[in-house]
């Protein structure tokens, strides 16, 4: 029998394959391997294009700069000329000046009249953009009535002026005539406090 089986195997030239077995279970994870050696350093990349130059604009902080000149009672009765002045130190050329005069103003006359109160900067009126002024006009009305009008009112002359260089600035309040109208009897700062306030402002 053994001889016959041996002959059969030799005759066929191959072994008979039995049925597949049951698949085995996954094995346990293996231990970490030995760390590899460092790789070869990479080459430098191509040079990039030149970038644009960007400037950072750093604005300097603004320091308040203001001044007040005041008078307890000017009682100034002139009709033409300088009433009061205040010297101010302007820190920057590209800034504006805010000016304010506050005080009692009065005008009286028998016939129609007009007076003008205005600021000057170093002797010249503001040109950036226009003069800083205030007027009082009194109509003719009744000669008998106008002859008794004598009202003093606290009023203000205020505005902004640009284009003034840095440094000392002589700022003054003046009284003058209005164009095409006769002058009257003007009074400034009667029996009360008058003041000029000056402030430098960023543009």
N, C-alpha and C. Protein backbone atom coordinates (compact mmCIF):
# COMPACT_ATOMS: atom_id res chain seq x y z
N UNK A 1 0.84 -1.21 0.00
CA UNK A 1 0.00 0.00 0.00
C UNK A 1 0.86 1.24 0.00
N UNK A 2 1.89 1.26 0.82
CA UNK A 2 2.81 2.39 0.85
C UNK A 2 3.50 2.55 -0.48
N UNK A 3 3.82 1.49 -1.10
CA UNK A 3 4.49 1.56 -2.40
C UNK A 3 3.58 2.16 -3.45
N UNK A 4 2.27 1.80 -3.37
CA UNK A 4 1.32 2.33 -4.36
C UNK A 4 1.14 3.84 -4.18
N UNK A 5 1.08 4.30 -2.93
CA UNK A 5 0.91 5.74 -2.67
C UNK A 5 2.14 6.50 -3.16
N UNK A 6 3.32 5.98 -2.93
CA UNK A 6 4.55 6.62 -3.37
C UNK A 6 4.59 6.73 -4.88
N UNK A 7 4.11 5.65 -5.52
CA UNK A 7 4.09 5.66 -6.98
C UNK A 7 3.12 6.70 -7.49
N UNK A 8 1.99 6.83 -6.76
CA UNK A 8 0.97 7.80 -7.19
C UNK A 8 1.51 9.23 -7.11
N UNK A 9 2.22 9.53 -6.02
CA UNK A 9 2.79 10.88 -5.86
C UNK A 9 3.81 11.18 -6.93
N UNK A 10 4.65 10.21 -7.23
CA UNK A 10 5.66 10.42 -8.25
C UNK A 10 5.02 10.59 -9.61
N UNK A 11 3.90 9.88 -9.80
CA UNK A 11 3.25 9.94 -11.09
C UNK A 11 2.64 11.31 -11.33
N UNK A 12 1.98 11.78 -10.31
CA UNK A 12 1.34 13.10 -10.47
C UNK A 12 2.36 14.23 -10.47
N UNK A 13 3.48 14.10 -9.84
CA UNK A 13 4.51 15.13 -9.78
C UNK A 13 4.17 16.27 -8.84
N UNK A 14 3.20 16.13 -7.98
CA UNK A 14 2.81 17.20 -7.05
C UNK A 14 2.09 16.61 -5.87
N UNK A 15 2.01 17.43 -4.79
CA UNK A 15 1.32 17.02 -3.57
C UNK A 15 -0.12 17.49 -3.63
N UNK A 16 -1.00 16.78 -3.05
CA UNK A 16 -2.39 17.20 -2.95
C UNK A 16 -2.53 18.27 -1.87
N UNK A 17 -3.34 19.35 -2.13
CA UNK A 17 -3.52 20.45 -1.15
C UNK A 17 -4.82 20.25 -0.43
N UNK A 18 -4.72 20.30 0.89
CA UNK A 18 -5.92 20.14 1.70
C UNK A 18 -6.71 21.43 1.81
N UNK A 19 -7.82 21.45 2.52
CA UNK A 19 -8.65 22.66 2.69
C UNK A 19 -7.92 23.72 3.53
N UNK A 20 -8.28 25.07 3.33
CA UNK A 20 -7.65 26.16 4.08
C UNK A 20 -8.02 26.08 5.54
N UNK A 21 -7.06 26.43 6.37
CA UNK A 21 -7.30 26.44 7.80
C UNK A 21 -8.00 27.71 8.26
N UNK A 22 -8.34 27.79 9.53
CA UNK A 22 -8.98 28.97 10.13
C UNK A 22 -7.94 30.10 10.23
N UNK A 23 -8.26 31.37 9.81
CA UNK A 23 -7.27 32.47 9.90
C UNK A 23 -6.83 32.68 11.34
N UNK A 24 -5.57 32.99 11.53
CA UNK A 24 -5.04 33.23 12.87
C UNK A 24 -5.34 34.64 13.37
N UNK A 25 -5.16 34.85 14.66
CA UNK A 25 -5.39 36.17 15.24
C UNK A 25 -4.17 37.08 15.02
N UNK A 26 -4.46 38.45 15.08
CA UNK A 26 -3.35 39.39 14.95
C UNK A 26 -2.40 39.23 16.12
N UNK A 27 -1.14 39.38 15.83
CA UNK A 27 -0.15 39.28 16.89
C UNK A 27 -0.05 40.56 17.71
N UNK A 28 0.69 40.49 18.81
CA UNK A 28 0.91 41.68 19.64
C UNK A 28 1.82 42.66 18.91
N UNK A 29 1.58 44.05 19.15
CA UNK A 29 2.45 45.04 18.50
C UNK A 29 3.91 44.83 18.88
N UNK A 30 4.76 45.05 17.92
CA UNK A 30 6.18 44.89 18.19
C UNK A 30 6.76 46.09 18.91
N UNK A 31 7.96 45.93 19.45
CA UNK A 31 8.64 47.03 20.13
C UNK A 31 9.17 48.04 19.12
N UNK A 32 9.35 49.33 19.59
CA UNK A 32 9.89 50.37 18.71
C UNK A 32 11.26 49.97 18.20
N UNK A 33 11.48 50.34 16.95
CA UNK A 33 12.78 50.02 16.38
C UNK A 33 13.86 51.02 16.81
N UNK A 34 15.07 50.78 16.37
CA UNK A 34 16.18 51.67 16.68
C UNK A 34 16.03 52.96 15.84
N UNK A 35 16.20 54.18 16.47
CA UNK A 35 16.04 55.44 15.70
C UNK A 35 16.98 55.47 14.51
N UNK A 36 16.47 56.04 13.41
CA UNK A 36 17.29 56.14 12.21
C UNK A 36 18.32 57.26 12.32
N UNK A 37 19.29 57.24 11.46
CA UNK A 37 20.31 58.29 11.45
C UNK A 37 19.76 59.55 10.78
N UNK A 38 20.23 60.81 11.20
CA UNK A 38 19.74 62.06 10.58
C UNK A 38 19.96 62.05 9.07
N UNK A 39 18.99 62.67 8.37
CA UNK A 39 19.09 62.75 6.92
C UNK A 39 20.08 63.81 6.47
N UNK A 40 20.34 63.86 5.20
CA UNK A 40 21.25 64.85 4.61
C UNK A 40 20.54 66.20 4.59
N UNK A 41 21.18 67.35 5.07
CA UNK A 41 20.53 68.67 5.06
C UNK A 41 20.09 69.06 3.65
N UNK A 42 18.90 69.72 3.57
CA UNK A 42 18.40 70.16 2.27
C UNK A 42 19.17 71.36 1.74
N UNK A 43 19.04 71.62 0.47
CA UNK A 43 19.71 72.76 -0.16
C UNK A 43 18.90 74.04 0.04
N UNK A 44 19.58 75.21 -0.01
CA UNK A 44 18.88 76.50 0.08
C UNK A 44 17.96 76.66 -1.12
N UNK A 45 16.78 77.28 -0.85
CA UNK A 45 15.84 77.53 -1.93
C UNK A 45 16.28 78.71 -2.78
N UNK A 46 15.51 78.97 -3.85
CA UNK A 46 15.81 80.09 -4.73
C UNK A 46 15.55 81.41 -4.02
N UNK A 47 16.30 82.45 -4.33
CA UNK A 47 16.13 83.77 -3.73
C UNK A 47 14.83 84.40 -4.18
N UNK A 48 14.07 84.95 -3.21
CA UNK A 48 12.78 85.56 -3.53
C UNK A 48 12.94 86.94 -4.14
N UNK A 49 11.82 87.45 -4.67
CA UNK A 49 11.83 88.78 -5.27
C UNK A 49 11.90 89.84 -4.18
N UNK A 50 12.47 91.00 -4.54
CA UNK A 50 12.62 92.09 -3.59
C UNK A 50 11.24 92.66 -3.25
N UNK A 51 10.97 92.81 -1.96
CA UNK A 51 9.68 93.34 -1.53
C UNK A 51 9.64 94.86 -1.59
N UNK A 52 8.42 95.40 -1.46
CA UNK A 52 8.25 96.85 -1.46
C UNK A 52 8.56 97.42 -0.08
N UNK A 53 9.13 98.61 -0.06
CA UNK A 53 9.47 99.27 1.20
C UNK A 53 8.22 99.94 1.75
N UNK A 54 7.86 99.58 2.95
CA UNK A 54 6.67 100.15 3.59
C UNK A 54 7.12 101.01 4.77
N UNK A 55 6.65 102.26 4.79
CA UNK A 55 6.98 103.15 5.89
C UNK A 55 5.82 103.19 6.88
N UNK A 56 6.16 103.12 8.14
CA UNK A 56 5.16 103.26 9.16
C UNK A 56 5.10 104.72 9.59
N UNK A 57 3.91 105.27 9.51
CA UNK A 57 3.73 106.66 9.91
C UNK A 57 3.40 106.70 11.39
N UNK A 58 4.31 107.21 12.17
CA UNK A 58 4.12 107.28 13.62
C UNK A 58 3.77 108.72 13.97
N UNK A 59 2.53 108.93 14.40
CA UNK A 59 2.09 110.27 14.75
C UNK A 59 2.53 110.59 16.17
N UNK A 60 3.16 111.74 16.30
CA UNK A 60 3.56 112.13 17.64
C UNK A 60 2.33 112.53 18.44
N UNK A 61 2.40 112.26 19.72
CA UNK A 61 1.26 112.58 20.56
C UNK A 61 1.09 114.09 20.65
N UNK A 62 -0.16 114.53 20.73
CA UNK A 62 -0.46 115.95 20.75
C UNK A 62 -0.50 116.43 22.20
N UNK A 63 0.31 117.45 22.49
CA UNK A 63 0.34 118.03 23.83
C UNK A 63 -0.51 119.29 23.83
N UNK A 64 -1.48 119.41 24.73
CA UNK A 64 -2.30 120.61 24.77
C UNK A 64 -1.44 121.86 24.94
N UNK A 65 -1.82 122.92 24.22
CA UNK A 65 -1.10 124.19 24.29
C UNK A 65 -2.14 125.31 24.24
N UNK A 66 -2.33 125.99 25.36
CA UNK A 66 -3.32 127.05 25.42
C UNK A 66 -2.88 128.12 26.42
N UNK A 67 -3.53 129.27 26.33
CA UNK A 67 -3.20 130.38 27.22
C UNK A 67 -4.42 131.27 27.37
N UNK A 68 -4.53 131.90 28.55
CA UNK A 68 -5.60 132.86 28.80
C UNK A 68 -5.00 134.14 29.37
N UNK A 69 -5.42 135.27 28.81
CA UNK A 69 -5.10 136.58 29.38
C UNK A 69 -6.43 137.21 29.79
N UNK A 70 -6.49 137.77 30.99
CA UNK A 70 -7.76 138.32 31.46
C UNK A 70 -7.54 139.65 32.18
N UNK A 71 -8.60 140.46 32.18
CA UNK A 71 -8.58 141.77 32.79
C UNK A 71 -9.86 141.94 33.59
N UNK A 72 -9.72 142.50 34.78
CA UNK A 72 -10.89 142.60 35.67
C UNK A 72 -11.89 143.64 35.17
N UNK A 73 -11.40 144.75 34.62
CA UNK A 73 -12.30 145.78 34.10
C UNK A 73 -11.50 146.68 33.15
N UNK A 74 -11.58 146.38 31.86
CA UNK A 74 -10.85 147.19 30.88
C UNK A 74 -11.36 148.63 30.85
N UNK A 75 -12.69 148.77 30.84
CA UNK A 75 -13.32 150.10 30.77
C UNK A 75 -12.66 150.95 29.68
N UNK A 76 -12.54 150.34 28.48
CA UNK A 76 -11.83 150.99 27.39
C UNK A 76 -12.84 151.63 26.44
N UNK A 77 -12.77 152.96 26.33
CA UNK A 77 -13.78 153.67 25.57
C UNK A 77 -13.33 154.14 24.21
N UNK A 78 -12.23 153.59 23.67
CA UNK A 78 -11.78 154.05 22.35
C UNK A 78 -12.69 153.51 21.25
N UNK A 79 -12.77 154.26 20.15
CA UNK A 79 -13.58 153.86 19.00
C UNK A 79 -12.73 153.26 17.88
N UNK A 80 -11.45 153.57 17.88
CA UNK A 80 -10.53 153.05 16.86
C UNK A 80 -9.21 152.69 17.53
N UNK A 81 -8.74 151.43 17.31
CA UNK A 81 -7.42 151.07 17.81
C UNK A 81 -7.39 149.77 18.57
N UNK A 82 -6.19 149.48 19.11
CA UNK A 82 -5.98 148.23 19.85
C UNK A 82 -6.57 148.33 21.25
N UNK A 83 -7.28 147.26 21.64
CA UNK A 83 -7.90 147.23 22.96
C UNK A 83 -7.04 146.45 23.96
N UNK A 84 -6.62 145.24 23.58
CA UNK A 84 -5.82 144.40 24.47
C UNK A 84 -5.06 143.39 23.62
N UNK A 85 -3.95 142.87 24.18
CA UNK A 85 -3.17 141.87 23.45
C UNK A 85 -2.68 140.79 24.40
N UNK A 86 -2.33 139.66 23.80
CA UNK A 86 -1.86 138.50 24.55
C UNK A 86 -0.83 137.78 23.68
N UNK A 87 0.38 137.54 24.21
CA UNK A 87 1.45 136.89 23.45
C UNK A 87 1.39 135.39 23.69
N UNK A 88 1.49 134.63 22.61
CA UNK A 88 1.33 133.17 22.66
C UNK A 88 2.49 132.51 21.94
N UNK A 89 2.97 131.37 22.49
CA UNK A 89 4.03 130.60 21.84
C UNK A 89 3.41 129.44 21.07
N UNK A 90 3.46 129.53 19.75
CA UNK A 90 2.91 128.48 18.89
C UNK A 90 3.98 127.43 18.66
N UNK A 91 3.65 126.16 18.89
CA UNK A 91 4.63 125.09 18.86
C UNK A 91 4.86 124.50 17.47
N UNK A 92 3.85 124.55 16.59
CA UNK A 92 3.96 123.92 15.27
C UNK A 92 3.48 124.88 14.19
N UNK A 93 4.06 124.75 13.01
CA UNK A 93 3.64 125.60 11.89
C UNK A 93 2.40 125.05 11.20
N UNK A 94 2.18 123.72 11.29
CA UNK A 94 1.05 123.09 10.58
C UNK A 94 -0.18 122.95 11.47
N UNK A 95 -0.33 123.81 12.45
CA UNK A 95 -1.48 123.77 13.34
C UNK A 95 -2.34 125.02 13.13
N UNK A 96 -3.49 125.03 13.77
CA UNK A 96 -4.39 126.19 13.71
C UNK A 96 -4.49 126.82 15.09
N UNK A 97 -4.81 128.10 15.13
CA UNK A 97 -5.03 128.79 16.40
C UNK A 97 -6.52 129.12 16.55
N UNK A 98 -7.07 128.71 17.67
CA UNK A 98 -8.43 129.11 18.03
C UNK A 98 -8.32 130.26 19.01
N UNK A 99 -8.97 131.36 18.69
CA UNK A 99 -8.92 132.54 19.56
C UNK A 99 -10.33 132.93 19.96
N UNK A 100 -10.43 133.46 21.17
CA UNK A 100 -11.73 133.90 21.70
C UNK A 100 -11.53 135.15 22.53
N UNK A 101 -12.31 136.17 22.23
CA UNK A 101 -12.42 137.32 23.14
C UNK A 101 -13.82 137.29 23.72
N UNK A 102 -13.91 137.42 25.04
CA UNK A 102 -15.20 137.49 25.71
C UNK A 102 -15.18 138.69 26.65
N UNK A 103 -16.16 139.57 26.47
CA UNK A 103 -16.23 140.76 27.31
C UNK A 103 -17.42 141.63 26.96
N UNK A 104 -17.60 142.66 27.70
CA UNK A 104 -18.73 143.57 27.48
C UNK A 104 -18.44 144.49 26.30
N UNK A 105 -19.42 144.59 25.38
CA UNK A 105 -19.33 145.50 24.23
C UNK A 105 -20.53 146.44 24.25
N UNK A 106 -20.29 147.67 23.78
CA UNK A 106 -21.38 148.64 23.73
C UNK A 106 -21.16 149.59 22.56
N UNK A 107 -22.26 149.99 21.92
CA UNK A 107 -22.21 151.00 20.86
C UNK A 107 -23.43 151.89 21.00
N UNK A 108 -23.21 153.19 20.90
CA UNK A 108 -24.34 154.12 20.90
C UNK A 108 -24.05 155.25 19.93
N UNK A 109 -25.11 155.81 19.38
CA UNK A 109 -25.00 156.93 18.45
C UNK A 109 -26.38 157.53 18.22
N UNK A 110 -26.42 158.76 17.72
CA UNK A 110 -27.69 159.43 17.44
C UNK A 110 -28.26 159.03 16.09
N UNK A 111 -27.35 158.71 15.13
CA UNK A 111 -27.79 158.26 13.81
C UNK A 111 -27.21 156.86 13.59
N UNK A 112 -27.53 156.25 12.47
CA UNK A 112 -27.08 154.88 12.20
C UNK A 112 -25.54 154.79 12.26
N UNK A 113 -25.04 153.79 12.94
CA UNK A 113 -23.59 153.62 13.07
C UNK A 113 -23.25 152.14 13.21
N UNK A 114 -21.96 151.82 13.03
CA UNK A 114 -21.51 150.42 13.08
C UNK A 114 -20.06 150.40 13.57
N UNK A 115 -19.75 149.47 14.45
CA UNK A 115 -18.37 149.26 14.91
C UNK A 115 -18.02 147.78 14.74
N UNK A 116 -16.74 147.56 14.55
CA UNK A 116 -16.24 146.21 14.27
C UNK A 116 -15.12 145.87 15.25
N UNK A 117 -15.23 144.72 15.93
CA UNK A 117 -14.19 144.20 16.80
C UNK A 117 -13.52 143.01 16.08
N UNK A 118 -12.20 142.98 16.05
CA UNK A 118 -11.51 141.96 15.26
C UNK A 118 -10.15 141.61 15.87
N UNK A 119 -9.63 140.43 15.47
CA UNK A 119 -8.33 139.94 15.95
C UNK A 119 -7.24 140.23 14.92
N UNK A 120 -6.02 140.47 15.43
CA UNK A 120 -4.84 140.50 14.57
C UNK A 120 -3.80 139.52 15.11
N UNK A 121 -2.97 139.02 14.20
CA UNK A 121 -1.89 138.08 14.52
C UNK A 121 -0.59 138.69 14.02
N UNK A 122 0.27 139.07 14.96
CA UNK A 122 1.49 139.80 14.60
C UNK A 122 1.18 141.03 13.75
N UNK A 123 0.11 141.71 14.10
CA UNK A 123 -0.24 142.97 13.45
C UNK A 123 -1.11 142.86 12.21
N UNK A 124 -1.38 141.65 11.74
CA UNK A 124 -2.19 141.48 10.52
C UNK A 124 -3.43 140.64 10.83
N UNK A 125 -4.50 140.95 10.13
CA UNK A 125 -5.71 140.13 10.32
C UNK A 125 -5.51 138.75 9.72
N UNK A 126 -6.31 137.81 10.18
CA UNK A 126 -6.21 136.42 9.73
C UNK A 126 -6.56 136.32 8.24
N UNK A 127 -5.71 135.59 7.51
CA UNK A 127 -5.97 135.35 6.09
C UNK A 127 -6.18 133.87 5.81
N UNK A 128 -6.20 133.05 6.83
CA UNK A 128 -6.36 131.61 6.64
C UNK A 128 -7.53 131.04 7.42
N UNK A 129 -8.76 131.10 6.93
CA UNK A 129 -9.08 131.58 5.58
C UNK A 129 -9.57 133.04 5.52
N UNK A 130 -10.17 133.56 6.63
CA UNK A 130 -10.79 134.89 6.60
C UNK A 130 -10.57 135.58 7.95
N UNK A 131 -10.80 136.91 8.00
CA UNK A 131 -10.66 137.62 9.28
C UNK A 131 -11.61 137.07 10.34
N UNK A 132 -11.21 137.27 11.59
CA UNK A 132 -12.04 136.87 12.73
C UNK A 132 -12.60 138.15 13.33
N UNK A 133 -13.92 138.31 13.26
CA UNK A 133 -14.52 139.60 13.60
C UNK A 133 -15.92 139.44 14.17
N UNK A 134 -16.42 140.54 14.73
CA UNK A 134 -17.81 140.66 15.15
C UNK A 134 -18.19 142.13 15.03
N UNK A 135 -19.44 142.39 14.68
CA UNK A 135 -19.88 143.79 14.52
C UNK A 135 -21.10 144.06 15.40
N UNK A 136 -21.27 145.34 15.69
CA UNK A 136 -22.51 145.84 16.28
C UNK A 136 -23.00 146.97 15.39
N UNK A 137 -24.25 146.85 14.98
CA UNK A 137 -24.86 147.90 14.14
C UNK A 137 -26.04 148.47 14.91
N UNK A 138 -26.13 149.80 14.90
CA UNK A 138 -27.24 150.49 15.57
C UNK A 138 -27.97 151.33 14.54
N UNK A 139 -29.27 151.07 14.40
CA UNK A 139 -30.05 151.78 13.38
C UNK A 139 -30.34 153.22 13.84
N UNK A 140 -30.72 154.05 12.88
CA UNK A 140 -30.95 155.45 13.20
C UNK A 140 -32.14 155.62 14.13
N UNK A 141 -33.28 155.06 13.74
CA UNK A 141 -34.46 155.16 14.60
C UNK A 141 -34.81 156.58 14.95
N UNK A 142 -35.25 156.78 16.15
CA UNK A 142 -35.61 158.12 16.63
C UNK A 142 -34.39 158.78 17.28
N UNK A 143 -34.01 159.96 16.86
CA UNK A 143 -32.85 160.64 17.47
C UNK A 143 -33.00 160.80 18.98
N UNK A 144 -34.22 161.06 19.43
CA UNK A 144 -34.43 161.22 20.86
C UNK A 144 -34.21 159.89 21.60
N UNK A 145 -34.67 158.80 20.99
CA UNK A 145 -34.54 157.49 21.65
C UNK A 145 -33.10 157.00 21.60
N UNK A 146 -32.47 157.13 20.42
CA UNK A 146 -31.10 156.63 20.27
C UNK A 146 -30.11 157.37 21.17
N UNK A 147 -30.41 158.58 21.46
CA UNK A 147 -29.48 159.36 22.28
C UNK A 147 -29.41 158.80 23.70
N UNK A 148 -30.39 157.99 24.11
CA UNK A 148 -30.40 157.46 25.47
C UNK A 148 -30.00 155.99 25.53
N UNK A 149 -29.85 155.31 24.38
CA UNK A 149 -29.50 153.89 24.40
C UNK A 149 -28.05 153.73 24.83
N UNK A 150 -27.84 152.94 25.88
CA UNK A 150 -26.49 152.72 26.39
C UNK A 150 -26.43 151.33 27.02
N UNK A 151 -26.57 150.30 26.17
CA UNK A 151 -26.64 148.93 26.66
C UNK A 151 -25.28 148.25 26.50
N UNK A 152 -24.73 147.76 27.60
CA UNK A 152 -23.48 146.98 27.58
C UNK A 152 -23.83 145.51 27.70
N UNK A 153 -23.39 144.72 26.73
CA UNK A 153 -23.69 143.28 26.74
C UNK A 153 -22.40 142.48 26.63
N UNK A 154 -22.31 141.41 27.41
CA UNK A 154 -21.17 140.50 27.24
C UNK A 154 -21.31 139.78 25.92
N UNK A 155 -20.29 139.89 25.08
CA UNK A 155 -20.31 139.30 23.75
C UNK A 155 -18.99 138.60 23.49
N UNK A 156 -18.91 137.90 22.37
CA UNK A 156 -17.68 137.16 22.06
C UNK A 156 -17.28 137.37 20.61
N UNK A 157 -15.97 137.31 20.39
CA UNK A 157 -15.39 137.32 19.04
C UNK A 157 -14.53 136.07 18.98
N UNK A 158 -14.83 135.16 18.04
CA UNK A 158 -14.19 133.84 18.08
C UNK A 158 -13.97 133.29 16.68
N UNK A 159 -12.88 132.51 16.51
CA UNK A 159 -12.64 131.87 15.22
C UNK A 159 -11.34 131.09 15.22
N UNK A 160 -11.09 130.42 14.09
CA UNK A 160 -9.87 129.65 13.86
C UNK A 160 -9.04 130.32 12.77
N UNK A 161 -7.72 130.36 12.98
CA UNK A 161 -6.84 130.94 11.98
C UNK A 161 -5.72 129.96 11.67
N UNK A 162 -5.48 129.72 10.37
CA UNK A 162 -4.43 128.82 9.93
C UNK A 162 -3.33 129.61 9.20
N UNK A 163 -2.20 128.92 8.95
CA UNK A 163 -1.12 129.53 8.18
C UNK A 163 -0.21 130.44 8.99
N UNK A 164 -0.20 130.28 10.29
CA UNK A 164 0.67 131.10 11.15
C UNK A 164 1.88 130.25 11.54
N UNK A 165 3.06 130.79 11.36
CA UNK A 165 4.29 130.06 11.66
C UNK A 165 4.46 129.82 13.16
N UNK A 166 5.26 128.81 13.49
CA UNK A 166 5.57 128.52 14.88
C UNK A 166 6.41 129.65 15.48
N UNK A 167 6.32 129.79 16.79
CA UNK A 167 7.08 130.82 17.48
C UNK A 167 6.15 131.76 18.24
N UNK A 168 6.71 132.89 18.67
CA UNK A 168 5.92 133.87 19.40
C UNK A 168 4.93 134.56 18.46
N UNK A 169 3.68 134.66 18.90
CA UNK A 169 2.63 135.31 18.11
C UNK A 169 1.95 136.35 19.00
N UNK A 170 1.96 137.61 18.55
CA UNK A 170 1.25 138.67 19.27
C UNK A 170 -0.19 138.71 18.77
N UNK A 171 -1.11 138.36 19.65
CA UNK A 171 -2.53 138.29 19.29
C UNK A 171 -3.25 139.43 20.01
N UNK A 172 -3.99 140.23 19.24
CA UNK A 172 -4.63 141.41 19.81
C UNK A 172 -6.06 141.53 19.34
N UNK A 173 -6.89 142.15 20.18
CA UNK A 173 -8.27 142.47 19.81
C UNK A 173 -8.34 143.98 19.58
N UNK A 174 -8.96 144.37 18.45
CA UNK A 174 -9.04 145.77 18.03
C UNK A 174 -10.50 146.17 17.84
N UNK A 175 -10.74 147.47 17.79
CA UNK A 175 -12.04 148.00 17.41
C UNK A 175 -11.83 148.98 16.26
N UNK A 176 -12.75 148.92 15.31
CA UNK A 176 -12.65 149.80 14.15
C UNK A 176 -14.02 150.06 13.57
N UNK A 177 -14.04 150.62 12.38
CA UNK A 177 -15.31 150.95 11.73
C UNK A 177 -15.72 149.84 10.77
N UNK A 178 -17.01 149.81 10.46
CA UNK A 178 -17.51 148.94 9.41
C UNK A 178 -17.44 149.70 8.09
N UNK A 179 -17.30 149.00 6.99
CA UNK A 179 -17.23 149.69 5.69
C UNK A 179 -18.57 150.34 5.37
N UNK A 180 -18.49 151.57 4.87
CA UNK A 180 -19.66 152.32 4.39
C UNK A 180 -20.61 152.77 5.50
N UNK A 181 -20.18 152.67 6.77
CA UNK A 181 -21.03 153.15 7.86
C UNK A 181 -20.20 154.04 8.78
N UNK A 182 -20.78 155.12 9.27
CA UNK A 182 -20.04 155.98 10.22
C UNK A 182 -19.84 155.26 11.54
N UNK A 183 -18.80 155.68 12.25
CA UNK A 183 -18.55 155.08 13.55
C UNK A 183 -19.41 155.71 14.62
N UNK A 184 -19.57 154.97 15.69
CA UNK A 184 -20.34 155.48 16.82
C UNK A 184 -19.45 155.60 18.04
N UNK A 185 -20.08 155.59 19.21
CA UNK A 185 -19.36 155.67 20.48
C UNK A 185 -19.25 154.26 21.04
N UNK A 186 -18.05 153.66 20.92
CA UNK A 186 -17.85 152.26 21.32
C UNK A 186 -17.29 152.19 22.74
N UNK A 187 -17.55 151.07 23.39
CA UNK A 187 -17.00 150.81 24.72
C UNK A 187 -16.74 149.31 24.83
N UNK A 188 -15.61 148.95 25.46
CA UNK A 188 -15.23 147.54 25.59
C UNK A 188 -14.81 147.25 27.04
N UNK A 189 -15.36 146.16 27.58
CA UNK A 189 -14.94 145.69 28.90
C UNK A 189 -15.39 146.53 30.07
N UNK A 190 -16.59 147.09 29.96
CA UNK A 190 -17.07 147.96 31.04
C UNK A 190 -17.48 147.17 32.27
N UNK A 191 -16.85 147.50 33.39
CA UNK A 191 -17.28 147.04 34.71
C UNK A 191 -17.42 145.52 34.81
N UNK A 192 -16.60 144.76 34.07
CA UNK A 192 -16.70 143.29 34.10
C UNK A 192 -15.40 142.68 33.57
N UNK A 193 -15.24 141.38 33.81
CA UNK A 193 -14.03 140.67 33.37
C UNK A 193 -14.05 140.47 31.85
N UNK A 194 -12.92 140.74 31.24
CA UNK A 194 -12.72 140.44 29.81
C UNK A 194 -11.57 139.45 29.71
N UNK A 195 -11.60 138.62 28.67
CA UNK A 195 -10.51 137.64 28.52
C UNK A 195 -10.27 137.31 27.05
N UNK A 196 -9.01 136.97 26.77
CA UNK A 196 -8.63 136.39 25.48
C UNK A 196 -8.14 134.98 25.78
N UNK A 197 -8.70 133.99 25.08
CA UNK A 197 -8.28 132.60 25.23
C UNK A 197 -7.70 132.16 23.89
N UNK A 198 -6.51 131.55 23.94
CA UNK A 198 -5.82 131.10 22.73
C UNK A 198 -5.52 129.62 22.89
N UNK A 199 -5.80 128.84 21.85
CA UNK A 199 -5.55 127.40 21.89
C UNK A 199 -4.99 126.94 20.55
N UNK A 200 -3.92 126.14 20.60
CA UNK A 200 -3.34 125.57 19.38
C UNK A 200 -3.98 124.21 19.11
N UNK A 201 -4.45 124.01 17.90
CA UNK A 201 -5.19 122.80 17.55
C UNK A 201 -4.53 122.08 16.36
N UNK A 202 -4.57 120.73 16.34
CA UNK A 202 -4.04 120.00 15.19
C UNK A 202 -4.96 120.15 13.99
N UNK A 203 -4.38 120.14 12.79
CA UNK A 203 -5.18 120.24 11.56
C UNK A 203 -5.50 118.86 11.02
